[in-house]
C-alpha cells in the first residue's frame, strides 16, 4: 500500500530595506520559514549563502538541502538499528555538499557526503551497524529524490550504554 504525504510551509521575505528590489544590492536576502499548520514551531531564519549577499548567521537553502539529507539518513538509520536490536547511544553527522556554480550564475549540487559518527553498545555488531547505513541510504526519501550522488562514510564505535 502506498501513501502520500504533503508538506507545506510558508516562506516570507523580510529583506525589504525600503526600496524593494530596485537594484541587486538594494535588498536583503533575509526570510522566515514557518509552518502552516504547526503553531508553536520555531521560525527558521533564512537567507542566501554569503557568496550571494546573504547573512551568514541565517540558514541558506544549500545548507538546508545538506541538512535534509543528513536528517533523513539518520532517522532511517536509527529506525533500522532499533528494528535489528542494535542499540545506538550517540549519533553525530558533519555532512558536506559541493555545489558547482555555472558562468551565468545558475548552479548544481554535484555531491553530498554524510559522515556519521555512531556509538553502539555491542562491539560485536559494528559490521551490522555499518551495513545498515547502506539500507538507510536506500530508504531515505530525500536521497531518493536528488539527482546527484550521496555517499555515507560512517564511523561506528562501541561504548557504554
N, C-alpha and C. Protein backbone atom coordinates (compact mmCIF):
# COMPACT_ATOMS: atom_id res chain seq x y z
N UNK A 1 0.85 -1.17 0.00
CA UNK A 1 0.00 0.00 0.00
C UNK A 1 0.89 1.24 0.00
N UNK A 2 0.66 2.14 -0.91
CA UNK A 2 1.42 3.38 -0.93
C UNK A 2 0.61 4.49 -0.26
N UNK A 3 1.34 5.41 0.33
CA UNK A 3 0.71 6.56 0.97
C UNK A 3 1.34 7.82 0.42
N UNK A 4 0.60 8.89 0.46
CA UNK A 4 1.11 10.19 0.03
C UNK A 4 1.14 11.12 1.23
N UNK A 5 2.24 11.85 1.35
CA UNK A 5 2.39 12.84 2.43
C UNK A 5 2.61 14.20 1.78
N UNK A 6 2.02 15.21 2.36
CA UNK A 6 2.16 16.56 1.82
C UNK A 6 2.80 17.44 2.89
N UNK A 7 3.74 18.27 2.47
CA UNK A 7 4.44 19.17 3.38
C UNK A 7 4.26 20.59 2.90
N UNK A 8 3.77 21.44 3.79
CA UNK A 8 3.50 22.83 3.42
C UNK A 8 4.11 23.75 4.46
N UNK A 9 4.88 24.70 3.98
CA UNK A 9 5.47 25.72 4.84
C UNK A 9 5.19 27.08 4.23
N UNK A 10 5.52 28.11 4.97
CA UNK A 10 5.39 29.47 4.44
C UNK A 10 6.76 30.12 4.49
N UNK A 11 7.18 30.69 3.37
CA UNK A 11 8.44 31.43 3.29
C UNK A 11 8.08 32.89 3.05
N UNK A 12 8.49 33.76 3.99
CA UNK A 12 8.15 35.18 3.91
C UNK A 12 9.44 36.00 3.82
N UNK A 13 9.58 36.73 2.75
CA UNK A 13 10.74 37.60 2.57
C UNK A 13 10.64 38.76 3.55
N UNK A 14 11.69 38.98 4.32
CA UNK A 14 11.71 40.05 5.32
C UNK A 14 12.81 41.06 5.01
N UNK A 15 13.37 41.01 3.81
CA UNK A 15 14.54 41.80 3.48
C UNK A 15 14.30 43.09 2.71
N UNK A 16 13.07 43.59 2.70
CA UNK A 16 12.81 44.87 2.03
C UNK A 16 13.40 45.98 2.89
N UNK A 17 14.44 46.63 2.40
CA UNK A 17 15.11 47.69 3.15
C UNK A 17 14.51 49.06 2.88
N UNK A 18 13.41 49.10 2.17
CA UNK A 18 12.71 50.36 1.91
C UNK A 18 12.50 50.65 0.44
N UNK A 19 13.29 50.04 -0.42
CA UNK A 19 13.12 50.31 -1.85
C UNK A 19 12.85 49.03 -2.65
N UNK A 20 12.47 47.97 -1.95
CA UNK A 20 12.17 46.72 -2.63
C UNK A 20 13.37 46.20 -3.39
N UNK A 21 13.11 45.62 -4.53
CA UNK A 21 14.19 45.07 -5.36
C UNK A 21 14.57 46.05 -6.47
N UNK A 22 14.75 47.31 -6.09
CA UNK A 22 15.09 48.34 -7.08
C UNK A 22 16.48 48.13 -7.68
N UNK A 23 17.32 47.37 -7.02
CA UNK A 23 18.65 47.03 -7.53
C UNK A 23 19.16 45.80 -6.79
N UNK A 24 20.10 45.10 -7.40
CA UNK A 24 20.60 43.85 -6.82
C UNK A 24 21.17 44.05 -5.43
N UNK A 25 21.78 45.18 -5.18
CA UNK A 25 22.39 45.46 -3.88
C UNK A 25 21.45 46.22 -2.94
N UNK A 26 20.22 46.45 -3.36
CA UNK A 26 19.30 47.30 -2.59
C UNK A 26 18.35 46.53 -1.68
N UNK A 27 18.49 45.24 -1.59
CA UNK A 27 17.59 44.47 -0.73
C UNK A 27 18.38 43.39 0.00
N UNK A 28 17.86 43.00 1.14
CA UNK A 28 18.47 41.92 1.91
C UNK A 28 17.83 40.60 1.50
N UNK A 29 18.53 39.53 1.74
CA UNK A 29 18.06 38.19 1.35
C UNK A 29 17.33 37.48 2.48
N UNK A 30 17.16 38.14 3.61
CA UNK A 30 16.55 37.51 4.78
C UNK A 30 15.11 37.10 4.52
N UNK A 31 14.75 35.98 5.12
CA UNK A 31 13.38 35.48 5.04
C UNK A 31 13.13 34.57 6.24
N UNK A 32 11.87 34.36 6.53
CA UNK A 32 11.46 33.49 7.62
C UNK A 32 10.73 32.28 7.04
N UNK A 33 10.99 31.13 7.61
CA UNK A 33 10.29 29.91 7.23
C UNK A 33 9.46 29.48 8.43
N UNK A 34 8.16 29.35 8.21
CA UNK A 34 7.26 28.96 9.29
C UNK A 34 6.38 27.81 8.83
N UNK A 35 5.86 27.09 9.79
CA UNK A 35 4.92 26.02 9.50
C UNK A 35 3.54 26.59 9.25
N UNK A 36 2.81 26.00 8.34
CA UNK A 36 1.46 26.47 8.03
C UNK A 36 0.46 25.94 9.05
N UNK A 37 0.52 24.67 9.32
CA UNK A 37 -0.43 24.04 10.24
C UNK A 37 0.23 23.58 11.54
N UNK A 38 1.31 24.24 11.92
CA UNK A 38 2.06 23.82 13.10
C UNK A 38 2.33 25.01 14.01
N UNK A 39 1.31 25.53 14.67
CA UNK A 39 1.53 26.66 15.56
C UNK A 39 2.51 26.29 16.67
N UNK A 40 3.38 27.22 17.00
CA UNK A 40 4.35 26.98 18.05
C UNK A 40 5.67 26.44 17.56
N UNK A 41 5.73 25.98 16.31
CA UNK A 41 7.01 25.51 15.77
C UNK A 41 7.91 26.73 15.60
N UNK A 42 9.17 26.64 16.02
CA UNK A 42 10.06 27.80 15.91
C UNK A 42 10.23 28.24 14.46
N UNK A 43 10.35 29.54 14.27
CA UNK A 43 10.62 30.09 12.96
C UNK A 43 12.06 29.80 12.57
N UNK A 44 12.26 29.38 11.36
CA UNK A 44 13.59 29.14 10.82
C UNK A 44 14.02 30.42 10.11
N UNK A 45 15.14 30.98 10.52
CA UNK A 45 15.63 32.22 9.92
C UNK A 45 16.51 31.88 8.73
N UNK A 46 16.09 32.34 7.55
CA UNK A 46 16.79 32.01 6.32
C UNK A 46 17.38 33.21 5.64
N UNK A 47 18.32 32.95 4.76
CA UNK A 47 18.96 33.97 3.94
C UNK A 47 19.61 33.25 2.76
N UNK A 48 20.32 34.00 1.96
CA UNK A 48 21.13 33.40 0.89
C UNK A 48 22.50 33.04 1.45
N UNK A 49 23.22 32.24 0.73
CA UNK A 49 24.62 31.99 1.05
C UNK A 49 25.34 33.34 1.04
N UNK A 50 26.28 33.57 1.95
CA UNK A 50 27.01 34.84 1.95
C UNK A 50 27.66 35.17 0.60
N UNK A 51 27.99 34.16 -0.20
CA UNK A 51 28.55 34.40 -1.53
C UNK A 51 27.56 35.12 -2.44
N UNK A 52 26.27 35.08 -2.06
CA UNK A 52 25.22 35.71 -2.85
C UNK A 52 24.53 36.81 -2.04
N UNK A 53 25.32 37.51 -1.23
CA UNK A 53 24.87 38.65 -0.43
C UNK A 53 23.95 38.25 0.72
N UNK A 54 24.10 37.04 1.21
CA UNK A 54 23.27 36.57 2.31
C UNK A 54 23.91 36.80 3.66
N UNK A 55 23.13 36.54 4.69
CA UNK A 55 23.55 36.70 6.08
C UNK A 55 24.08 35.36 6.59
N UNK A 56 25.35 35.32 6.96
CA UNK A 56 25.97 34.07 7.39
C UNK A 56 25.41 33.55 8.71
N UNK A 57 24.66 34.37 9.43
CA UNK A 57 24.07 33.95 10.70
C UNK A 57 22.73 33.25 10.51
N UNK A 58 22.25 33.17 9.28
CA UNK A 58 20.98 32.52 8.97
C UNK A 58 21.23 31.31 8.07
N UNK A 59 20.30 30.38 8.10
CA UNK A 59 20.41 29.17 7.28
C UNK A 59 20.13 29.50 5.82
N UNK A 60 20.96 28.97 4.91
CA UNK A 60 20.69 29.18 3.49
C UNK A 60 20.16 27.88 2.87
N UNK A 61 19.52 27.99 1.70
CA UNK A 61 18.89 26.82 1.09
C UNK A 61 19.87 25.68 0.82
N UNK A 62 21.10 26.02 0.48
CA UNK A 62 22.08 24.98 0.19
C UNK A 62 22.41 24.18 1.46
N UNK A 63 22.57 24.88 2.58
CA UNK A 63 22.80 24.19 3.85
C UNK A 63 21.61 23.32 4.21
N UNK A 64 20.42 23.84 3.99
CA UNK A 64 19.22 23.09 4.36
C UNK A 64 19.04 21.83 3.51
N UNK A 65 19.49 21.88 2.26
CA UNK A 65 19.45 20.67 1.44
C UNK A 65 20.38 19.61 2.03
N UNK A 66 21.58 20.02 2.41
CA UNK A 66 22.53 19.08 3.03
C UNK A 66 21.96 18.55 4.34
N UNK A 67 21.37 19.45 5.14
CA UNK A 67 20.77 19.06 6.42
C UNK A 67 19.65 18.04 6.19
N UNK A 68 18.81 18.27 5.20
CA UNK A 68 17.68 17.36 4.98
C UNK A 68 18.17 15.96 4.62
N UNK A 69 19.24 15.86 3.85
CA UNK A 69 19.80 14.54 3.53
C UNK A 69 20.35 13.87 4.78
N UNK A 70 21.03 14.64 5.62
CA UNK A 70 21.60 14.08 6.85
C UNK A 70 20.51 13.64 7.82
N UNK A 71 19.50 14.48 8.00
CA UNK A 71 18.41 14.13 8.92
C UNK A 71 17.68 12.88 8.46
N UNK A 72 17.35 12.82 7.18
CA UNK A 72 16.61 11.68 6.66
C UNK A 72 17.41 10.39 6.84
N UNK A 73 18.69 10.45 6.53
CA UNK A 73 19.56 9.27 6.69
C UNK A 73 19.60 8.85 8.15
N UNK A 74 19.81 9.81 9.04
CA UNK A 74 19.91 9.50 10.47
C UNK A 74 18.62 8.86 10.98
N UNK A 75 17.49 9.43 10.63
CA UNK A 75 16.22 8.92 11.14
C UNK A 75 15.95 7.50 10.64
N UNK A 76 16.27 7.23 9.37
CA UNK A 76 16.13 5.87 8.87
C UNK A 76 17.11 4.94 9.56
N UNK A 77 18.34 5.40 9.75
CA UNK A 77 19.36 4.57 10.39
C UNK A 77 18.94 4.19 11.80
N UNK A 78 18.48 5.15 12.58
CA UNK A 78 18.05 4.86 13.95
C UNK A 78 16.89 3.87 13.96
N UNK A 79 15.94 4.04 13.04
CA UNK A 79 14.80 3.12 12.97
C UNK A 79 15.26 1.70 12.61
N UNK A 80 16.17 1.60 11.66
CA UNK A 80 16.67 0.28 11.26
C UNK A 80 17.46 -0.38 12.38
N UNK A 81 18.27 0.40 13.09
CA UNK A 81 19.01 -0.17 14.23
C UNK A 81 18.05 -0.66 15.30
N UNK A 82 17.03 0.13 15.60
CA UNK A 82 16.04 -0.29 16.60
C UNK A 82 15.36 -1.58 16.16
N UNK A 83 15.01 -1.66 14.89
CA UNK A 83 14.36 -2.86 14.35
C UNK A 83 15.26 -4.09 14.47
N UNK A 84 16.57 -3.89 14.29
CA UNK A 84 17.53 -5.01 14.31
C UNK A 84 18.11 -5.27 15.70
N UNK A 85 17.70 -4.49 16.69
CA UNK A 85 18.19 -4.70 18.05
C UNK A 85 19.60 -4.17 18.29
N UNK A 86 20.04 -3.26 17.45
CA UNK A 86 21.35 -2.61 17.65
C UNK A 86 21.09 -1.32 18.41
N UNK A 87 21.67 -1.21 19.59
CA UNK A 87 21.40 -0.06 20.44
C UNK A 87 22.39 1.05 20.13
N UNK A 88 21.88 2.15 19.60
CA UNK A 88 22.68 3.34 19.32
C UNK A 88 22.55 4.27 20.52
N UNK A 89 23.68 4.74 21.02
CA UNK A 89 23.65 5.66 22.17
C UNK A 89 24.09 7.07 21.79
N UNK A 90 24.69 7.23 20.62
CA UNK A 90 25.10 8.57 20.17
C UNK A 90 25.19 8.57 18.65
N UNK A 91 24.86 9.72 18.06
CA UNK A 91 24.92 9.86 16.60
C UNK A 91 25.18 11.33 16.30
N UNK A 92 26.24 11.60 15.59
CA UNK A 92 26.57 12.96 15.14
C UNK A 92 27.00 12.87 13.70
N UNK A 93 26.57 13.81 12.89
CA UNK A 93 26.97 13.83 11.49
C UNK A 93 27.51 15.22 11.15
N UNK A 94 28.53 15.25 10.33
CA UNK A 94 29.06 16.50 9.80
C UNK A 94 29.07 16.39 8.27
N UNK A 95 27.88 16.46 7.67
CA UNK A 95 27.80 16.29 6.22
C UNK A 95 28.35 17.51 5.49
N UNK A 96 28.76 17.28 4.25
CA UNK A 96 29.24 18.37 3.41
C UNK A 96 28.73 18.15 1.99
N UNK A 97 28.33 19.24 1.35
CA UNK A 97 27.87 19.17 -0.02
C UNK A 97 28.67 20.11 -0.89
N UNK A 98 28.79 19.77 -2.16
CA UNK A 98 29.50 20.60 -3.12
C UNK A 98 28.52 21.08 -4.17
N UNK A 99 28.52 22.39 -4.39
CA UNK A 99 27.70 22.98 -5.44
C UNK A 99 28.64 23.64 -6.44
N UNK A 100 28.40 23.40 -7.70
CA UNK A 100 29.19 23.99 -8.77
C UNK A 100 28.37 25.10 -9.41
N UNK A 101 28.92 26.30 -9.42
CA UNK A 101 28.21 27.45 -10.00
C UNK A 101 28.62 27.61 -11.46
N UNK A 102 27.64 27.80 -12.31
CA UNK A 102 27.88 27.98 -13.74
C UNK A 102 28.16 29.45 -14.05
N UNK A 103 28.71 29.71 -15.23
CA UNK A 103 29.12 31.06 -15.62
C UNK A 103 27.98 32.06 -15.56
N UNK A 104 26.76 31.65 -15.92
CA UNK A 104 25.64 32.60 -15.93
C UNK A 104 24.99 32.76 -14.56
N UNK A 105 25.50 32.03 -13.55
CA UNK A 105 25.00 32.21 -12.19
C UNK A 105 24.16 31.06 -11.66
N UNK A 106 23.69 30.18 -12.53
CA UNK A 106 22.95 29.02 -12.03
C UNK A 106 23.95 28.05 -11.41
N UNK A 107 23.45 27.02 -10.81
CA UNK A 107 24.36 26.06 -10.20
C UNK A 107 23.70 24.72 -10.01
N UNK A 108 24.51 23.76 -9.61
CA UNK A 108 24.01 22.41 -9.40
C UNK A 108 24.85 21.75 -8.31
N UNK A 109 24.18 21.02 -7.44
CA UNK A 109 24.91 20.21 -6.47
C UNK A 109 25.54 19.05 -7.22
N UNK A 110 26.79 18.77 -6.91
CA UNK A 110 27.49 17.67 -7.57
C UNK A 110 27.61 16.45 -6.66
N UNK A 111 27.55 16.67 -5.34
CA UNK A 111 27.63 15.55 -4.41
C UNK A 111 27.38 16.03 -2.99
N UNK A 112 27.00 15.09 -2.15
CA UNK A 112 26.92 15.30 -0.70
C UNK A 112 27.53 14.08 -0.05
N UNK A 113 28.35 14.31 0.96
CA UNK A 113 28.93 13.22 1.73
C UNK A 113 28.48 13.33 3.18
N UNK A 114 27.89 12.26 3.67
CA UNK A 114 27.49 12.17 5.07
C UNK A 114 28.63 11.49 5.83
N UNK A 115 28.91 11.98 7.03
CA UNK A 115 30.00 11.42 7.84
C UNK A 115 29.51 11.10 9.25
N UNK A 116 28.55 10.20 9.37
CA UNK A 116 28.01 9.92 10.70
C UNK A 116 29.03 9.24 11.62
N UNK A 117 29.08 9.73 12.84
CA UNK A 117 29.87 9.14 13.92
C UNK A 117 28.86 8.51 14.86
N UNK A 118 28.87 7.19 14.96
CA UNK A 118 27.84 6.47 15.70
C UNK A 118 28.48 5.66 16.82
N UNK A 119 27.84 5.67 17.97
CA UNK A 119 28.26 4.82 19.08
C UNK A 119 27.15 3.81 19.34
N UNK A 120 27.54 2.53 19.39
CA UNK A 120 26.60 1.46 19.72
C UNK A 120 27.11 0.74 20.97
N UNK A 121 26.24 -0.01 21.61
CA UNK A 121 26.62 -0.67 22.86
C UNK A 121 27.37 -1.99 22.66
N UNK A 122 27.14 -2.67 21.55
CA UNK A 122 27.70 -4.01 21.34
C UNK A 122 28.77 -3.98 20.26
N UNK A 123 30.03 -4.07 20.68
CA UNK A 123 31.15 -4.03 19.75
C UNK A 123 31.16 -5.16 18.75
N UNK A 124 30.49 -6.26 19.04
CA UNK A 124 30.44 -7.39 18.12
C UNK A 124 29.49 -7.13 16.94
N UNK A 125 28.74 -6.03 17.00
CA UNK A 125 27.77 -5.75 15.94
C UNK A 125 28.16 -4.55 15.09
N UNK A 126 29.42 -4.14 15.18
CA UNK A 126 29.89 -2.99 14.40
C UNK A 126 29.68 -3.21 12.90
N UNK A 127 29.97 -4.41 12.41
CA UNK A 127 29.79 -4.71 10.99
C UNK A 127 28.34 -4.56 10.56
N UNK A 128 27.43 -5.12 11.35
CA UNK A 128 26.00 -4.99 11.05
C UNK A 128 25.56 -3.53 11.08
N UNK A 129 26.05 -2.81 12.10
CA UNK A 129 25.69 -1.40 12.24
C UNK A 129 26.18 -0.60 11.04
N UNK A 130 27.35 -0.95 10.55
CA UNK A 130 27.88 -0.27 9.36
C UNK A 130 27.03 -0.58 8.14
N UNK A 131 26.67 -1.84 7.97
CA UNK A 131 25.85 -2.24 6.82
C UNK A 131 24.50 -1.54 6.80
N UNK A 132 23.95 -1.25 7.94
CA UNK A 132 22.64 -0.60 7.99
C UNK A 132 22.67 0.81 7.40
N UNK A 133 23.85 1.41 7.29
CA UNK A 133 23.93 2.72 6.62
C UNK A 133 23.57 2.60 5.15
N UNK A 134 23.92 1.48 4.53
CA UNK A 134 23.54 1.27 3.12
C UNK A 134 22.02 1.17 2.99
N UNK A 135 21.41 0.46 3.91
CA UNK A 135 19.94 0.33 3.89
C UNK A 135 19.28 1.67 4.18
N UNK A 136 19.83 2.43 5.12
CA UNK A 136 19.27 3.75 5.43
C UNK A 136 19.32 4.64 4.19
N UNK A 137 20.41 4.57 3.46
CA UNK A 137 20.53 5.37 2.23
C UNK A 137 19.47 4.93 1.22
N UNK A 138 19.28 3.64 1.09
CA UNK A 138 18.29 3.13 0.14
C UNK A 138 16.88 3.57 0.50
N UNK A 139 16.60 3.69 1.79
CA UNK A 139 15.26 4.03 2.26
C UNK A 139 15.00 5.53 2.33
N UNK A 140 16.03 6.34 2.36
CA UNK A 140 15.88 7.78 2.59
C UNK A 140 15.09 8.46 1.47
N UNK A 141 13.99 9.08 1.85
CA UNK A 141 13.12 9.76 0.89
C UNK A 141 13.87 10.87 0.14
N UNK A 142 14.66 11.62 0.88
CA UNK A 142 15.34 12.77 0.28
C UNK A 142 16.45 12.29 -0.66
N UNK A 143 17.25 11.33 -0.23
CA UNK A 143 18.32 10.81 -1.09
C UNK A 143 17.74 10.21 -2.37
N UNK A 144 16.56 9.62 -2.27
CA UNK A 144 15.91 9.05 -3.46
C UNK A 144 15.37 10.12 -4.39
N UNK A 145 15.34 11.36 -3.95
CA UNK A 145 14.73 12.44 -4.72
C UNK A 145 15.74 13.37 -5.38
N UNK A 146 17.01 13.22 -5.08
CA UNK A 146 18.01 14.12 -5.67
C UNK A 146 18.72 13.43 -6.83
N UNK A 147 19.31 14.24 -7.71
CA UNK A 147 19.93 13.67 -8.91
C UNK A 147 21.46 13.76 -8.87
N UNK A 148 22.02 13.73 -7.67
CA UNK A 148 23.47 13.74 -7.51
C UNK A 148 23.83 12.68 -6.48
N UNK A 149 25.07 12.23 -6.48
CA UNK A 149 25.47 11.17 -5.54
C UNK A 149 25.45 11.65 -4.09
N UNK A 150 24.97 10.78 -3.23
CA UNK A 150 25.02 10.99 -1.78
C UNK A 150 25.77 9.79 -1.21
N UNK A 151 26.92 10.06 -0.62
CA UNK A 151 27.75 9.00 -0.06
C UNK A 151 27.69 9.05 1.46
N UNK A 152 27.83 7.89 2.07
CA UNK A 152 27.92 7.82 3.54
C UNK A 152 29.26 7.22 3.90
N UNK A 153 29.98 7.91 4.78
CA UNK A 153 31.26 7.45 5.29
C UNK A 153 31.16 7.32 6.81
N UNK A 154 30.46 6.28 7.28
CA UNK A 154 30.22 6.17 8.71
C UNK A 154 31.43 5.67 9.49
N UNK A 155 31.48 6.10 10.73
CA UNK A 155 32.42 5.56 11.71
C UNK A 155 31.58 5.02 12.86
N UNK A 156 31.76 3.75 13.18
CA UNK A 156 30.99 3.11 14.25
C UNK A 156 31.95 2.76 15.37
N UNK A 157 31.61 3.17 16.57
CA UNK A 157 32.39 2.84 17.76
C UNK A 157 31.48 2.14 18.76
N UNK A 158 32.08 1.28 19.56
CA UNK A 158 31.34 0.63 20.64
C UNK A 158 31.67 1.35 21.94
N UNK A 159 30.63 1.57 22.74
CA UNK A 159 30.83 2.25 24.00
C UNK A 159 29.77 1.85 24.99
N UNK A 160 29.85 2.38 26.19
CA UNK A 160 28.86 2.03 27.22
C UNK A 160 27.47 2.55 26.89
N UNK A 161 26.49 1.89 27.44
CA UNK A 161 25.09 2.28 27.22
C UNK A 161 24.79 3.61 27.87
